[in-house]
Amino acid sequence: MPAPGVERLQSAEIAATTPMVFRIRWSSAVADVNPKDRISYAGRMWIIASVTEIGRREGLEIAATARAD
């Protein structure tokens, strides 16, 4: 029987993820969004991988993933 830590690692490797890129308009309310934050969209919780500014305060491109159901 594998150790519990190994079992969890194997489970994480098997789980599929769904990638998504969100493009939103820039505002002072979202200017500080970072990978520590999460996005709730379409009934799923999305984990932010990266945030890139589009232009000079025009928008943000947010790369995120969610576990597939």
PDB file of N, CA and C in Angstrom:
ATOM      1  N   MET A   1       0.851  -1.176   0.000  1.00  0.00           N
ATOM      2  CA  MET A   1       0.000   0.000   0.000  1.00  0.00           C
ATOM      3  C   MET A   1       0.895   1.238   0.000  1.00  0.00           C
ATOM      4  N   PRO A   2       0.681   2.181  -0.960  1.00  0.00           N
ATOM      5  CA  PRO A   2       1.526   3.367  -1.020  1.00  0.00           C
ATOM      6  C   PRO A   2       1.249   4.315   0.137  1.00  0.00           C
ATOM      7  N   ALA A   3       2.230   5.126   0.433  1.00  0.00           N
ATOM      8  CA  ALA A   3       2.075   6.128   1.490  1.00  0.00           C
ATOM      9  C   ALA A   3       1.023   7.149   1.067  1.00  0.00           C
ATOM     10  N   PRO A   4       0.297   7.752   2.022  1.00  0.00           N
ATOM     11  CA  PRO A   4      -0.760   8.704   1.690  1.00  0.00           C
ATOM     12  C   PRO A   4      -0.281   9.863   0.811  1.00  0.00           C
ATOM     13  N   GLY A   5       0.924  10.371   1.031  1.00  0.00           N
ATOM     14  CA  GLY A   5       1.454  11.464   0.220  1.00  0.00           C
ATOM     15  C   GLY A   5       1.611  11.069  -1.232  1.00  0.00           C
ATOM     16  N   VAL A   6       2.039   9.845  -1.478  1.00  0.00           N
ATOM     17  CA  VAL A   6       2.212   9.348  -2.840  1.00  0.00           C
ATOM     18  C   VAL A   6       0.855   9.193  -3.514  1.00  0.00           C
ATOM     19  N   GLU A   7      -0.108   8.713  -2.765  1.00  0.00           N
ATOM     20  CA  GLU A   7      -1.436   8.522  -3.321  1.00  0.00           C
ATOM     21  C   GLU A   7      -2.044   9.854  -3.752  1.00  0.00           C
ATOM     22  N   ARG A   8      -1.880  10.865  -2.943  1.00  0.00           N
ATOM     23  CA  ARG A   8      -2.395  12.184  -3.302  1.00  0.00           C
ATOM     24  C   ARG A   8      -1.689  12.718  -4.539  1.00  0.00           C
ATOM     25  N   LEU A   9      -0.394  12.505  -4.642  1.00  0.00           N
ATOM     26  CA  LEU A   9       0.364  12.954  -5.800  1.00  0.00           C
ATOM     27  C   LEU A   9      -0.124  12.245  -7.046  1.00  0.00           C
ATOM     28  N   GLN A  10      -0.358  10.950  -6.965  1.00  0.00           N
ATOM     29  CA  GLN A  10      -0.855  10.208  -8.107  1.00  0.00           C
ATOM     30  C   GLN A  10      -2.245  10.696  -8.493  1.00  0.00           C
ATOM     31  N   SER A  11      -3.081  10.997  -7.537  1.00  0.00           N
ATOM     32  CA  SER A  11      -4.425  11.494  -7.824  1.00  0.00           C
ATOM     33  C   SER A  11      -4.355  12.830  -8.543  1.00  0.00           C
ATOM     34  N   ALA A  12      -3.449  13.696  -8.133  1.00  0.00           N
ATOM     35  CA  ALA A  12      -3.321  15.000  -8.771  1.00  0.00           C
ATOM     36  C   ALA A  12      -2.848  14.857 -10.214  1.00  0.00           C
ATOM     37  N   GLU A  13      -2.011  13.878 -10.496  1.00  0.00           N
ATOM     38  CA  GLU A  13      -1.513  13.681 -11.853  1.00  0.00           C
ATOM     39  C   GLU A  13      -2.620  13.175 -12.780  1.00  0.00           C
ATOM     40  N   ILE A  14      -3.550  12.431 -12.252  1.00  0.00           N
ATOM     41  CA  ILE A  14      -4.614  11.859 -13.066  1.00  0.00           C
ATOM     42  C   ILE A  14      -5.693  12.902 -13.380  1.00  0.00           C
ATOM     43  N   ALA A  15      -5.924  13.830 -12.478  1.00  0.00           N
ATOM     44  CA  ALA A  15      -6.988  14.817 -12.651  1.00  0.00           C
ATOM     45  C   ALA A  15      -6.704  15.716 -13.857  1.00  0.00           C
ATOM     46  N   ALA A  16      -7.693  15.883 -14.709  1.00  0.00           N
ATOM     47  CA  ALA A  16      -7.562  16.737 -15.883  1.00  0.00           C
ATOM     48  C   ALA A  16      -7.859  18.184 -15.511  1.00  0.00           C
ATOM     49  N   THR A  17      -7.250  19.096 -16.228  1.00  0.00           N
ATOM     50  CA  THR A  17      -7.521  20.510 -16.016  1.00  0.00           C
ATOM     51  C   THR A  17      -7.988  21.139 -17.322  1.00  0.00           C
ATOM     52  N   THR A  18      -8.719  22.223 -17.196  1.00  0.00           N
ATOM     53  CA  THR A  18      -9.218  22.958 -18.349  1.00  0.00           C
ATOM     54  C   THR A  18      -8.573  24.338 -18.353  1.00  0.00           C
ATOM     55  N   PRO A  19      -7.823  24.682 -19.407  1.00  0.00           N
ATOM     56  CA  PRO A  19      -7.211  26.016 -19.458  1.00  0.00           C
ATOM     57  C   PRO A  19      -8.199  27.059 -19.991  1.00  0.00           C
ATOM     58  N   MET A  20      -8.023  28.295 -19.589  1.00  0.00           N
ATOM     59  CA  MET A  20      -8.891  29.391 -20.042  1.00  0.00           C
ATOM     60  C   MET A  20      -8.084  30.684 -19.983  1.00  0.00           C
ATOM     61  N   VAL A  21      -8.331  31.576 -20.924  1.00  0.00           N
ATOM     62  CA  VAL A  21      -7.743  32.911 -20.886  1.00  0.00           C
ATOM     63  C   VAL A  21      -8.885  33.904 -20.775  1.00  0.00           C
ATOM     64  N   PHE A  22      -8.866  34.693 -19.714  1.00  0.00           N
ATOM     65  CA  PHE A  22      -9.855  35.742 -19.499  1.00  0.00           C
ATOM     66  C   PHE A  22      -9.229  37.065 -19.928  1.00  0.00           C
ATOM     67  N   ARG A  23      -9.951  37.859 -20.712  1.00  0.00           N
ATOM     68  CA  ARG A  23      -9.502  39.199 -21.086  1.00  0.00           C
ATOM     69  C   ARG A  23     -10.534  40.180 -20.539  1.00  0.00           C
ATOM     70  N   ILE A  24     -10.064  41.050 -19.661  1.00  0.00           N
ATOM     71  CA  ILE A  24     -10.971  41.999 -19.020  1.00  0.00           C
ATOM     72  C   ILE A  24     -10.437  43.418 -19.181  1.00  0.00           C
ATOM     73  N   ARG A  25     -11.343  44.384 -19.100  1.00  0.00           N
ATOM     74  CA  ARG A  25     -10.933  45.787 -19.152  1.00  0.00           C
ATOM     75  C   ARG A  25     -10.209  46.150 -17.869  1.00  0.00           C
ATOM     76  N   TRP A  26      -9.232  47.023 -17.997  1.00  0.00           N
ATOM     77  CA  TRP A  26      -8.488  47.480 -16.828  1.00  0.00           C
ATOM     78  C   TRP A  26      -9.343  48.446 -16.023  1.00  0.00           C
ATOM     79  N   SER A  27      -9.276  48.333 -14.719  1.00  0.00           N
ATOM     80  CA  SER A  27      -9.856  49.320 -13.801  1.00  0.00           C
ATOM     81  C   SER A  27      -9.054  49.241 -12.510  1.00  0.00           C
ATOM     82  N   SER A  28      -9.184  50.256 -11.699  1.00  0.00           N
ATOM     83  CA  SER A  28      -8.437  50.248 -10.438  1.00  0.00           C
ATOM     84  C   SER A  28      -8.887  49.094  -9.542  1.00  0.00           C
ATOM     85  N   ALA A  29     -10.107  48.599  -9.740  1.00  0.00           N
ATOM     86  CA  ALA A  29     -10.619  47.481  -8.939  1.00  0.00           C
ATOM     87  C   ALA A  29      -9.912  46.170  -9.252  1.00  0.00           C
ATOM     88  N   VAL A  30      -9.394  46.011 -10.478  1.00  0.00           N
ATOM     89  CA  VAL A  30      -8.742  44.752 -10.865  1.00  0.00           C
ATOM     90  C   VAL A  30      -7.245  44.921 -11.117  1.00  0.00           C
ATOM     91  N   ALA A  31      -6.722  46.105 -10.883  1.00  0.00           N
ATOM     92  CA  ALA A  31      -5.313  46.394 -11.175  1.00  0.00           C
ATOM     93  C   ALA A  31      -4.349  45.513 -10.391  1.00  0.00           C
ATOM     94  N   ASP A  32      -4.741  45.043  -9.228  1.00  0.00           N
ATOM     95  CA  ASP A  32      -3.829  44.260  -8.394  1.00  0.00           C
ATOM     96  C   ASP A  32      -4.133  42.758  -8.393  1.00  0.00           C
ATOM     97  N   VAL A  33      -4.867  42.272  -9.389  1.00  0.00           N
ATOM     98  CA  VAL A  33      -5.151  40.829  -9.495  1.00  0.00           C
ATOM     99  C   VAL A  33      -3.829  40.096  -9.697  1.00  0.00           C
ATOM    100  N   ASN A  34      -3.646  38.978  -8.991  1.00  0.00           N
ATOM    101  CA  ASN A  34      -2.393  38.212  -9.093  1.00  0.00           C
ATOM    102  C   ASN A  34      -2.680  36.721  -8.901  1.00  0.00           C
ATOM    103  N   PRO A  35      -1.680  35.864  -9.101  1.00  0.00           N
ATOM    104  CA  PRO A  35      -1.893  34.410  -8.986  1.00  0.00           C
ATOM    105  C   PRO A  35      -2.369  33.912  -7.616  1.00  0.00           C
ATOM    106  N   LYS A  36      -2.333  34.732  -6.604  1.00  0.00           N
ATOM    107  CA  LYS A  36      -2.866  34.320  -5.297  1.00  0.00           C
ATOM    108  C   LYS A  36      -4.396  34.389  -5.288  1.00  0.00           C
ATOM    109  N   ASP A  37      -4.969  35.129  -6.241  1.00  0.00           N
ATOM    110  CA  ASP A  37      -6.420  35.276  -6.335  1.00  0.00           C
ATOM    111  C   ASP A  37      -7.038  34.108  -7.090  1.00  0.00           C
ATOM    112  N   ARG A  38      -8.363  34.017  -7.046  1.00  0.00           N
ATOM    113  CA  ARG A  38      -9.116  32.993  -7.768  1.00  0.00           C
ATOM    114  C   ARG A  38     -10.253  33.676  -8.518  1.00  0.00           C
ATOM    115  N   ILE A  39     -10.745  33.020  -9.571  1.00  0.00           N
ATOM    116  CA  ILE A  39     -11.868  33.532 -10.345  1.00  0.00           C
ATOM    117  C   ILE A  39     -13.010  32.535 -10.235  1.00  0.00           C
ATOM    118  N   SER A  40     -14.201  33.023  -9.938  1.00  0.00           N
ATOM    119  CA  SER A  40     -15.393  32.190  -9.932  1.00  0.00           C
ATOM    120  C   SER A  40     -16.160  32.513 -11.209  1.00  0.00           C
ATOM    121  N   TYR A  41     -16.277  31.517 -12.104  1.00  0.00           N
ATOM    122  CA  TYR A  41     -16.925  31.732 -13.389  1.00  0.00           C
ATOM    123  C   TYR A  41     -17.551  30.421 -13.862  1.00  0.00           C
ATOM    124  N   ALA A  42     -18.763  30.496 -14.369  1.00  0.00           N
ATOM    125  CA  ALA A  42     -19.471  29.336 -14.924  1.00  0.00           C
ATOM    126  C   ALA A  42     -19.558  28.172 -13.929  1.00  0.00           C
ATOM    127  N   GLY A  43     -19.746  28.502 -12.667  1.00  0.00           N
ATOM    128  CA  GLY A  43     -19.906  27.476 -11.654  1.00  0.00           C
ATOM    129  C   GLY A  43     -18.619  26.747 -11.272  1.00  0.00           C
ATOM    130  N   ARG A  44     -17.482  27.273 -11.682  1.00  0.00           N
ATOM    131  CA  ARG A  44     -16.189  26.655 -11.364  1.00  0.00           C
ATOM    132  C   ARG A  44     -15.272  27.666 -10.696  1.00  0.00           C
ATOM    133  N   MET A  45     -14.286  27.156  -9.993  1.00  0.00           N
ATOM    134  CA  MET A  45     -13.268  27.989  -9.383  1.00  0.00           C
ATOM    135  C   MET A  45     -12.008  27.867 -10.244  1.00  0.00           C
ATOM    136  N   TRP A  46     -11.526  28.994 -10.758  1.00  0.00           N
ATOM    137  CA  TRP A  46     -10.372  29.031 -11.652  1.00  0.00           C
ATOM    138  C   TRP A  46      -9.148  29.513 -10.890  1.00  0.00           C
ATOM    139  N   ILE A  47      -8.024  28.807 -11.058  1.00  0.00           N
ATOM    140  CA  ILE A  47      -6.765  29.141 -10.401  1.00  0.00           C
ATOM    141  C   ILE A  47      -5.941  29.955 -11.388  1.00  0.00           C
ATOM    142  N   ILE A  48      -5.561  31.162 -10.997  1.00  0.00           N
ATOM    143  CA  ILE A  48      -4.822  32.063 -11.875  1.00  0.00           C
ATOM    144  C   ILE A  48      -3.373  31.617 -11.985  1.00  0.00           C
ATOM    145  N   ALA A  49      -2.907  31.444 -13.233  1.00  0.00           N
ATOM    146  CA  ALA A  49      -1.511  31.062 -13.485  1.00  0.00           C
ATOM    147  C   ALA A  49      -0.661  32.299 -13.756  1.00  0.00           C
ATOM    148  N   SER A  50      -1.206  33.265 -14.519  1.00  0.00           N
ATOM    149  CA  SER A  50      -0.455  34.480 -14.827  1.00  0.00           C
ATOM    150  C   SER A  50      -1.400  35.614 -15.185  1.00  0.00           C
ATOM    151  N   VAL A  51      -0.917  36.842 -14.985  1.00  0.00           N
ATOM    152  CA  VAL A  51      -1.673  38.048 -15.326  1.00  0.00           C
ATOM    153  C   VAL A  51      -0.749  38.939 -16.142  1.00  0.00           C
ATOM    154  N   THR A  52      -1.202  39.340 -17.331  1.00  0.00           N
ATOM    155  CA  THR A  52      -0.416  40.192 -18.208  1.00  0.00           C
ATOM    156  C   THR A  52      -1.225  41.433 -18.558  1.00  0.00           C
ATOM    157  N   GLU A  53      -0.604  42.602 -18.425  1.00  0.00           N
ATOM    158  CA  GLU A  53      -1.295  43.839 -18.773  1.00  0.00           C
ATOM    159  C   GLU A  53      -1.334  43.989 -20.287  1.00  0.00           C
ATOM    160  N   ILE A  54      -2.486  44.375 -20.820  1.00  0.00           N
ATOM    161  CA  ILE A  54      -2.656  44.611 -22.248  1.00  0.00           C
ATOM    162  C   ILE A  54      -2.563  46.117 -22.456  1.00  0.00           C
ATOM    163  N   GLY A  55      -1.600  46.546 -23.261  1.00  0.00           N
ATOM    164  CA  GLY A  55      -1.425  47.976 -23.487  1.00  0.00           C
ATOM    165  C   GLY A  55      -1.085  48.698 -22.200  1.00  0.00           C
ATOM    166  N   ARG A  56      -1.365  49.980 -22.183  1.00  0.00           N
ATOM    167  CA  ARG A  56      -1.142  50.770 -20.965  1.00  0.00           C
ATOM    168  C   ARG A  56      -2.495  51.016 -20.312  1.00  0.00           C
ATOM    169  N   ARG A  57      -2.799  50.194 -19.333  1.00  0.00           N
ATOM    170  CA  ARG A  57      -4.060  50.270 -18.596  1.00  0.00           C
ATOM    171  C   ARG A  57      -5.281  50.118 -19.504  1.00  0.00           C
ATOM    172  N   GLU A  58      -5.148  49.285 -20.530  1.00  0.00           N
ATOM    173  CA  GLU A  58      -6.294  48.997 -21.394  1.00  0.00           C
ATOM    174  C   GLU A  58      -7.046  47.769 -20.920  1.00  0.00           C
ATOM    175  N   GLY A  59      -6.304  46.755 -20.488  1.00  0.00           N
ATOM    176  CA  GLY A  59      -6.944  45.535 -20.041  1.00  0.00           C
ATOM    177  C   GLY A  59      -5.954  44.583 -19.400  1.00  0.00           C
ATOM    178  N   LEU A  60      -6.466  43.453 -18.963  1.00  0.00           N
ATOM    179  CA  LEU A  60      -5.638  42.396 -18.385  1.00  0.00           C
ATOM    180  C   LEU A  60      -5.960  41.084 -19.081  1.00  0.00           C
ATOM    181  N   GLU A  61      -4.939  40.292 -19.319  1.00  0.00           N
ATOM    182  CA  GLU A  61      -5.110  38.943 -19.844  1.00  0.00           C
ATOM    183  C   GLU A  61      -4.727  37.997 -18.709  1.00  0.00           C
ATOM    184  N   ILE A  62      -5.686  37.202 -18.292  1.00  0.00           N
ATOM    185  CA  ILE A  62      -5.505  36.319 -17.148  1.00  0.00           C
ATOM    186  C   ILE A  62      -5.569  34.861 -17.612  1.00  0.00           C
ATOM    187  N   ALA A  63      -4.463  34.154 -17.493  1.00  0.00           N
ATOM    188  CA  ALA A  63      -4.421  32.726 -17.820  1.00  0.00           C
ATOM    189  C   ALA A  63      -4.767  31.957 -16.546  1.00  0.00           C
ATOM    190  N   ALA A  64      -5.723  31.031 -16.668  1.00  0.00           N
ATOM    191  CA  ALA A  64      -6.180  30.290 -15.491  1.00  0.00           C
ATOM    192  C   ALA A  64      -6.537  28.855 -15.868  1.00  0.00           C
ATOM    193  N   THR A  65      -6.640  27.998 -14.864  1.00  0.00           N
ATOM    194  CA  THR A  65      -7.046  26.621 -15.079  1.00  0.00           C
ATOM    195  C   THR A  65      -8.073  26.228 -14.024  1.00  0.00           C
ATOM    196  N   ALA A  66      -8.915  25.268 -14.406  1.00  0.00           N
ATOM    197  CA  ALA A  66      -9.890  24.693 -13.468  1.00  0.00           C
ATOM    198  C   ALA A  66      -9.835  23.188 -13.625  1.00  0.00           C
ATOM    199  N   ARG A  67     -10.065  22.482 -12.566  1.00  0.00           N
ATOM    200  CA  ARG A  67     -10.114  21.018 -12.631  1.00  0.00           C
ATOM    201  C   ARG A  67     -11.342  20.606 -13.416  1.00  0.00           C
ATOM    202  N   ALA A  68     -11.164  19.653 -14.297  1.00  0.00           N
ATOM    203  CA  ALA A  68     -12.291  19.131 -15.063  1.00  0.00           C
ATOM    204  C   ALA A  68     -13.168  18.284 -14.155  1.00  0.00           C
ATOM    205  N   ASP A  69     -14.446  18.358 -14.367  1.00  0.00           N
ATOM    206  CA  ASP A  69     -15.386  17.582 -13.547  1.00  0.00           C
ATOM    207  C   ASP A  69     -15.511  16.166 -14.036  1.00  0.00           C
TER     208      ASP A  69
END
